[in-house]
C-alpha atoms as a PDB file:
ATOM      1  CA  UNK A   1      -6.949  14.614   8.144  1.00  0.00           C
ATOM      2  CA  UNK A   2      -8.982  17.057   6.079  1.00  0.00           C
ATOM      3  CA  UNK A   3     -12.147  16.127   7.986  1.00  0.00           C
ATOM      4  CA  UNK A   4     -10.416  16.780  11.328  1.00  0.00           C
ATOM      5  CA  UNK A   5      -9.115  20.112  10.082  1.00  0.00           C
ATOM      6  CA  UNK A   6     -12.568  21.131   8.837  1.00  0.00           C
ATOM      7  CA  UNK A   7     -14.186  20.035  12.112  1.00  0.00           C
ATOM      8  CA  UNK A   8     -11.648  22.001  14.168  1.00  0.00           C
ATOM      9  CA  UNK A   9     -12.006  25.117  12.004  1.00  0.00           C
ATOM     10  CA  UNK A  10     -15.803  24.932  12.199  1.00  0.00           C
ATOM     11  CA  UNK A  11     -15.644  24.529  15.987  1.00  0.00           C
ATOM     12  CA  UNK A  12     -13.441  27.625  16.296  1.00  0.00           C
ATOM     13  CA  UNK A  13     -15.738  29.662  14.061  1.00  0.00           C
ATOM     14  CA  UNK A  14     -18.795  28.604  16.121  1.00  0.00           C
ATOM     15  CA  UNK A  15     -16.989  29.623  19.348  1.00  0.00           C
ATOM     16  CA  UNK A  16     -16.436  33.104  17.911  1.00  0.00           C
ATOM     17  CA  UNK A  17     -19.929  33.543  16.469  1.00  0.00           C
ATOM     18  CA  UNK A  18     -22.251  32.072  19.079  1.00  0.00           C
ATOM     19  CA  UNK A  19     -25.390  32.944  17.169  1.00  0.00           C
ATOM     20  CA  UNK A  20     -24.266  31.222  13.923  1.00  0.00           C
ATOM     21  CA  UNK A  21     -26.519  28.237  13.262  1.00  0.00           C
ATOM     22  CA  UNK A  22     -25.773  25.716  10.532  1.00  0.00           C
ATOM     23  CA  UNK A  23     -28.667  23.513   9.407  1.00  0.00           C
ATOM     24  CA  UNK A  24     -28.427  19.797  10.080  1.00  0.00           C
ATOM     25  CA  UNK A  25     -28.574  18.877   6.355  1.00  0.00           C
ATOM     26  CA  UNK A  26     -25.397  20.923   5.714  1.00  0.00           C
ATOM     27  CA  UNK A  27     -23.533  18.804   8.282  1.00  0.00           C
ATOM     28  CA  UNK A  28     -24.810  15.596   6.649  1.00  0.00           C
ATOM     29  CA  UNK A  29     -23.901  16.834   3.139  1.00  0.00           C
ATOM     30  CA  UNK A  30     -20.444  17.879   4.328  1.00  0.00           C
ATOM     31  CA  UNK A  31     -19.826  14.446   5.898  1.00  0.00           C
ATOM     32  CA  UNK A  32     -21.038  12.546   2.805  1.00  0.00           C
ATOM     33  CA  UNK A  33     -19.026  14.788   0.468  1.00  0.00           C
ATOM     34  CA  UNK A  34     -15.884  14.280   2.575  1.00  0.00           C
ATOM     35  CA  UNK A  35     -16.296  10.483   2.521  1.00  0.00           C
ATOM     36  CA  UNK A  36     -16.824  10.448  -1.257  1.00  0.00           C
ATOM     37  CA  UNK A  37     -13.689  12.525  -1.845  1.00  0.00           C
ATOM     38  CA  UNK A  38     -11.690  10.354   0.602  1.00  0.00           C
ATOM     39  CA  UNK A  39     -12.623   7.103  -1.155  1.00  0.00           C
ATOM     40  CA  UNK A  40     -11.688   8.469  -4.588  1.00  0.00           C
ATOM     41  CA  UNK A  41      -8.335   9.699  -3.277  1.00  0.00           C
ATOM     42  CA  UNK A  42      -7.644   6.329  -1.645  1.00  0.00           C
ATOM     43  CA  UNK A  43      -8.547   4.448  -4.850  1.00  0.00           C
ATOM     44  CA  UNK A  44      -6.332   6.767  -6.893  1.00  0.00           C
ATOM     45  CA  UNK A  45      -3.326   6.098  -4.629  1.00  0.00           C
ATOM     46  CA  UNK A  46      -3.887   2.315  -4.766  1.00  0.00           C
ATOM     47  CA  UNK A  47      -4.204   2.432  -8.580  1.00  0.00           C
ATOM     48  CA  UNK A  48      -0.908   4.320  -8.901  1.00  0.00           C
ATOM     49  CA  UNK A  49       0.856   1.739  -6.692  1.00  0.00           C
ATOM     50  CA  UNK A  50      -0.670  -1.131  -8.686  1.00  0.00           C
ATOM     51  CA  UNK A  51       0.421   0.385 -12.015  1.00  0.00           C
ATOM     52  CA  UNK A  52       3.989   0.821 -10.761  1.00  0.00           C
ATOM     53  CA  UNK A  53       4.071  -2.777  -9.534  1.00  0.00           C
ATOM     54  CA  UNK A  54       2.687  -4.160 -12.805  1.00  0.00           C
ATOM     55  CA  UNK A  55       5.129  -2.141 -14.876  1.00  0.00           C
ATOM     56  CA  UNK A  56       8.163  -3.266 -12.925  1.00  0.00           C
ATOM     57  CA  UNK A  57       7.144  -6.944 -12.700  1.00  0.00           C
ATOM     58  CA  UNK A  58       6.159  -7.533 -16.313  1.00  0.00           C
ATOM     59  CA  UNK A  59       7.605 -10.817 -17.398  1.00  0.00           C
ATOM     60  CA  UNK A  60       8.149 -11.954 -20.965  1.00  0.00           C
ATOM     61  CA  UNK A  61       6.696 -15.364 -21.797  1.00  0.00           C
ATOM     62  CA  UNK A  62       7.979 -17.056 -24.962  1.00  0.00           C
ATOM     63  CA  UNK A  63       5.772 -19.906 -26.190  1.00  0.00           C
ATOM     64  CA  UNK A  64       7.151 -21.678 -29.266  1.00  0.00           C
ATOM     65  CA  UNK A  65       4.242 -23.212 -31.188  1.00  0.00           C
ATOM     66  CA  UNK A  66       5.728 -24.614 -34.387  1.00  0.00           C
ATOM     67  CA  UNK A  67       9.207 -25.283 -35.723  1.00  0.00           C
ATOM     68  CA  UNK A  68      10.408 -26.199 -39.189  1.00  0.00           C
ATOM     69  CA  UNK A  69      13.639 -26.834 -41.058  1.00  0.00           C
ATOM     70  CA  UNK A  70      14.539 -25.269 -44.386  1.00  0.00           C
ATOM     71  CA  UNK A  71      17.453 -24.300 -46.598  1.00  0.00           C
ATOM     72  CA  UNK A  72      18.467 -20.958 -48.054  1.00  0.00           C
ATOM     73  CA  UNK A  73      16.252 -19.706 -50.890  1.00  0.00           C
ATOM     74  CA  UNK A  74      13.310 -21.934 -49.953  1.00  0.00           C
ATOM     75  CA  UNK A  75      10.001 -20.108 -49.764  1.00  0.00           C
ATOM     76  CA  UNK A  76       9.744 -18.103 -46.506  1.00  0.00           C
ATOM     77  CA  UNK A  77      13.384 -18.779 -45.528  1.00  0.00           C
ATOM     78  CA  UNK A  78      16.313 -16.320 -45.677  1.00  0.00           C
ATOM     79  CA  UNK A  79      18.298 -16.284 -48.940  1.00  0.00           C
ATOM     80  CA  UNK A  80      21.799 -15.986 -47.543  1.00  0.00           C
ATOM     81  CA  UNK A  81      24.205 -17.556 -46.894  1.00  0.00           C
ATOM     82  CA  UNK A  82      23.862 -20.066 -49.743  1.00  0.00           C
ATOM     83  CA  UNK A  83      23.073 -23.667 -48.797  1.00  0.00           C
ATOM     84  CA  UNK A  84      22.532 -22.819 -45.135  1.00  0.00           C
ATOM     85  CA  UNK A  85      20.188 -24.906 -43.020  1.00  0.00           C
ATOM     86  CA  UNK A  86      17.626 -22.864 -41.093  1.00  0.00           C
ATOM     87  CA  UNK A  87      15.528 -23.624 -38.046  1.00  0.00           C
ATOM     88  CA  UNK A  88      12.297 -21.625 -38.024  1.00  0.00           C
ATOM     89  CA  UNK A  89      10.165 -20.944 -34.942  1.00  0.00           C
ATOM     90  CA  UNK A  90       6.666 -19.517 -34.744  1.00  0.00           C
ATOM     91  CA  UNK A  91       6.587 -18.039 -31.237  1.00  0.00           C
ATOM     92  CA  UNK A  92       3.691 -16.561 -29.243  1.00  0.00           C
ATOM     93  CA  UNK A  93       4.695 -13.717 -26.923  1.00  0.00           C
ATOM     94  CA  UNK A  94       2.695 -12.098 -24.155  1.00  0.00           C
ATOM     95  CA  UNK A  95       2.505  -8.369 -24.851  1.00  0.00           C
ATOM     96  CA  UNK A  96       4.667  -6.291 -22.565  1.00  0.00           C
ATOM     97  CA  UNK A  97       5.381  -2.586 -22.805  1.00  0.00           C
ATOM     98  CA  UNK A  98       9.045  -3.091 -23.721  1.00  0.00           C
ATOM     99  CA  UNK A  99      10.576  -4.367 -26.974  1.00  0.00           C
ATOM    100  CA  UNK A 100      12.681  -7.509 -27.170  1.00  0.00           C
ATOM    101  CA  UNK A 101      16.316  -6.462 -27.636  1.00  0.00           C
ATOM    102  CA  UNK A 102      17.868  -9.787 -28.645  1.00  0.00           C
ATOM    103  CA  UNK A 103      16.695 -13.327 -29.330  1.00  0.00           C
ATOM    104  CA  UNK A 104      19.064 -16.311 -29.276  1.00  0.00           C
ATOM    105  CA  UNK A 105      18.853 -20.076 -29.674  1.00  0.00           C
ATOM    106  CA  UNK A 106      20.669 -22.138 -27.049  1.00  0.00           C
ATOM    107  CA  UNK A 107      21.474 -25.731 -28.086  1.00  0.00           C
ATOM    108  CA  UNK A 108      22.626 -27.757 -25.088  1.00  0.00           C
ATOM    109  CA  UNK A 109      25.637 -25.907 -23.615  1.00  0.00           C
ATOM    110  CA  UNK A 110      27.013 -24.652 -26.942  1.00  0.00           C
ATOM    111  CA  UNK A 111      27.462 -20.929 -27.688  1.00  0.00           C
ATOM    112  CA  UNK A 112      24.193 -19.209 -28.467  1.00  0.00           C
ATOM    113  CA  UNK A 113      23.051 -18.743 -32.053  1.00  0.00           C
ATOM    114  CA  UNK A 114      21.634 -15.238 -32.638  1.00  0.00           C
ATOM    115  CA  UNK A 115      18.396 -14.837 -34.539  1.00  0.00           C
ATOM    116  CA  UNK A 116      18.975 -13.962 -38.175  1.00  0.00           C
ATOM    117  CA  UNK A 117      15.661 -12.653 -39.401  1.00  0.00           C
ATOM    118  CA  UNK A 118      12.825 -11.456 -37.169  1.00  0.00           C
ATOM    119  CA  UNK A 119      10.502  -8.562 -36.473  1.00  0.00           C
ATOM    120  CA  UNK A 120      11.743  -6.408 -33.594  1.00  0.00           C
ATOM    121  CA  UNK A 121       9.542  -4.350 -31.336  1.00  0.00           C
ATOM    122  CA  UNK A 122       6.529  -4.858 -29.130  1.00  0.00           C
ATOM    123  CA  UNK A 123       4.797  -7.858 -30.681  1.00  0.00           C
ATOM    124  CA  UNK A 124       2.279 -10.559 -29.797  1.00  0.00           C
ATOM    125  CA  UNK A 125       4.090 -13.167 -31.855  1.00  0.00           C
ATOM    126  CA  UNK A 126       7.187 -13.529 -33.946  1.00  0.00           C
ATOM    127  CA  UNK A 127       8.799 -15.650 -36.622  1.00  0.00           C
ATOM    128  CA  UNK A 128      12.476 -16.349 -35.945  1.00  0.00           C
ATOM    129  CA  UNK A 129      15.100 -17.979 -38.159  1.00  0.00           C
ATOM    130  CA  UNK A 130      18.350 -19.479 -36.859  1.00  0.00           C
ATOM    131  CA  UNK A 131      21.270 -20.729 -38.960  1.00  0.00           C
ATOM    132  CA  UNK A 132      21.806 -24.329 -37.772  1.00  0.00           C
ATOM    133  CA  UNK A 133      23.981 -25.609 -40.626  1.00  0.00           C
ATOM    134  CA  UNK A 134      26.587 -27.087 -38.285  1.00  0.00           C
ATOM    135  CA  UNK A 135      23.851 -29.071 -36.480  1.00  0.00           C
ATOM    136  CA  UNK A 136      22.684 -30.941 -39.620  1.00  0.00           C
ATOM    137  CA  UNK A 137      22.181 -34.656 -38.891  1.00  0.00           C
ATOM    138  CA  UNK A 138      23.450 -34.290 -35.289  1.00  0.00           C
ATOM    139  CA  UNK A 139      20.538 -36.102 -33.666  1.00  0.00           C
ATOM    140  CA  UNK A 140      18.180 -35.007 -30.890  1.00  0.00           C
ATOM    141  CA  UNK A 141      19.147 -32.055 -28.667  1.00  0.00           C
ATOM    142  CA  UNK A 142      17.644 -29.857 -25.962  1.00  0.00           C
ATOM    143  CA  UNK A 143      17.140 -26.310 -27.208  1.00  0.00           C
ATOM    144  CA  UNK A 144      15.631 -23.142 -25.780  1.00  0.00           C
ATOM    145  CA  UNK A 145      14.926 -19.633 -26.957  1.00  0.00           C
ATOM    146  CA  UNK A 146      16.411 -16.845 -24.855  1.00  0.00           C
ATOM    147  CA  UNK A 147      15.181 -13.271 -25.207  1.00  0.00           C
ATOM    148  CA  UNK A 148      16.739 -10.227 -23.614  1.00  0.00           C
ATOM    149  CA  UNK A 149      14.611  -7.226 -22.593  1.00  0.00           C
ATOM    150  CA  UNK A 150      16.395  -4.258 -21.019  1.00  0.00           C
ATOM    151  CA  UNK A 151      19.264  -6.477 -19.852  1.00  0.00           C
ATOM    152  CA  UNK A 152      17.062  -9.183 -18.297  1.00  0.00           C
ATOM    153  CA  UNK A 153      16.941 -12.639 -19.893  1.00  0.00           C
ATOM    154  CA  UNK A 154      13.792 -14.718 -20.396  1.00  0.00           C
ATOM    155  CA  UNK A 155      13.736 -18.364 -21.485  1.00  0.00           C
ATOM    156  CA  UNK A 156      11.153 -20.369 -23.399  1.00  0.00           C
ATOM    157  CA  UNK A 157      12.082 -23.457 -21.426  1.00  0.00           C
ATOM    158  CA  UNK A 158      13.866 -26.450 -22.910  1.00  0.00           C
ATOM    159  CA  UNK A 159      12.392 -28.571 -25.711  1.00  0.00           C
ATOM    160  CA  UNK A 160      13.739 -31.492 -27.735  1.00  0.00           C
ATOM    161  CA  UNK A 161      14.415 -31.067 -31.436  1.00  0.00           C
ATOM    162  CA  UNK A 162      15.685 -33.892 -33.645  1.00  0.00           C
ATOM    163  CA  UNK A 163      18.194 -32.412 -36.089  1.00  0.00           C
ATOM    164  CA  UNK A 164      18.450 -35.724 -37.938  1.00  0.00           C
ATOM    165  CA  UNK A 165      14.864 -35.219 -39.212  1.00  0.00           C
ATOM    166  CA  UNK A 166      15.632 -32.187 -41.348  1.00  0.00           C
ATOM    167  CA  UNK A 167      12.906 -33.130 -43.835  1.00  0.00           C
ATOM    168  CA  UNK A 168      11.538 -29.609 -44.192  1.00  0.00           C
ATOM    169  CA  UNK A 169       8.168 -30.318 -42.557  1.00  0.00           C
ATOM    170  CA  UNK A 170       6.523 -28.298 -39.808  1.00  0.00           C
ATOM    171  CA  UNK A 171       6.307 -29.736 -36.307  1.00  0.00           C
ATOM    172  CA  UNK A 172       4.075 -28.805 -33.376  1.00  0.00           C
ATOM    173  CA  UNK A 173       5.825 -28.165 -30.110  1.00  0.00           C
END
């Protein structure tokens, strides 16, 4: 559009001043300069669209790596409530530009168990503790972590955990 406007304006000026001569190299420089500016403007517009798309489509990916069982007051486990059984997860998280608002543990179709002790914010990994006292010695169950970011829920996917093996060791997922 700018090139057409410049060409039209130059044509009108040359019609008025018949004796005005513009060297050939000026025309070439003007054309090259216009193309360079046009490509930078086009790239800038595409980059802005890409950034908007990436920002709106960022998806949280929860990847549990290790889980362990423990009781209150054990090293690295919460102190309260007394004699509570805890399920610990070491979770890798892809970095997104928004903090995780809530993190829950879903066991089968039971009500969700909220995380008790964790680091909030924009993180690349987290350590989460869930009070699973009522699940002691209940056998093997499907569980999943569910995080909420700005009202949207993200799941880790289901994994089997055997609650009858509460021997306080760490297990790879």
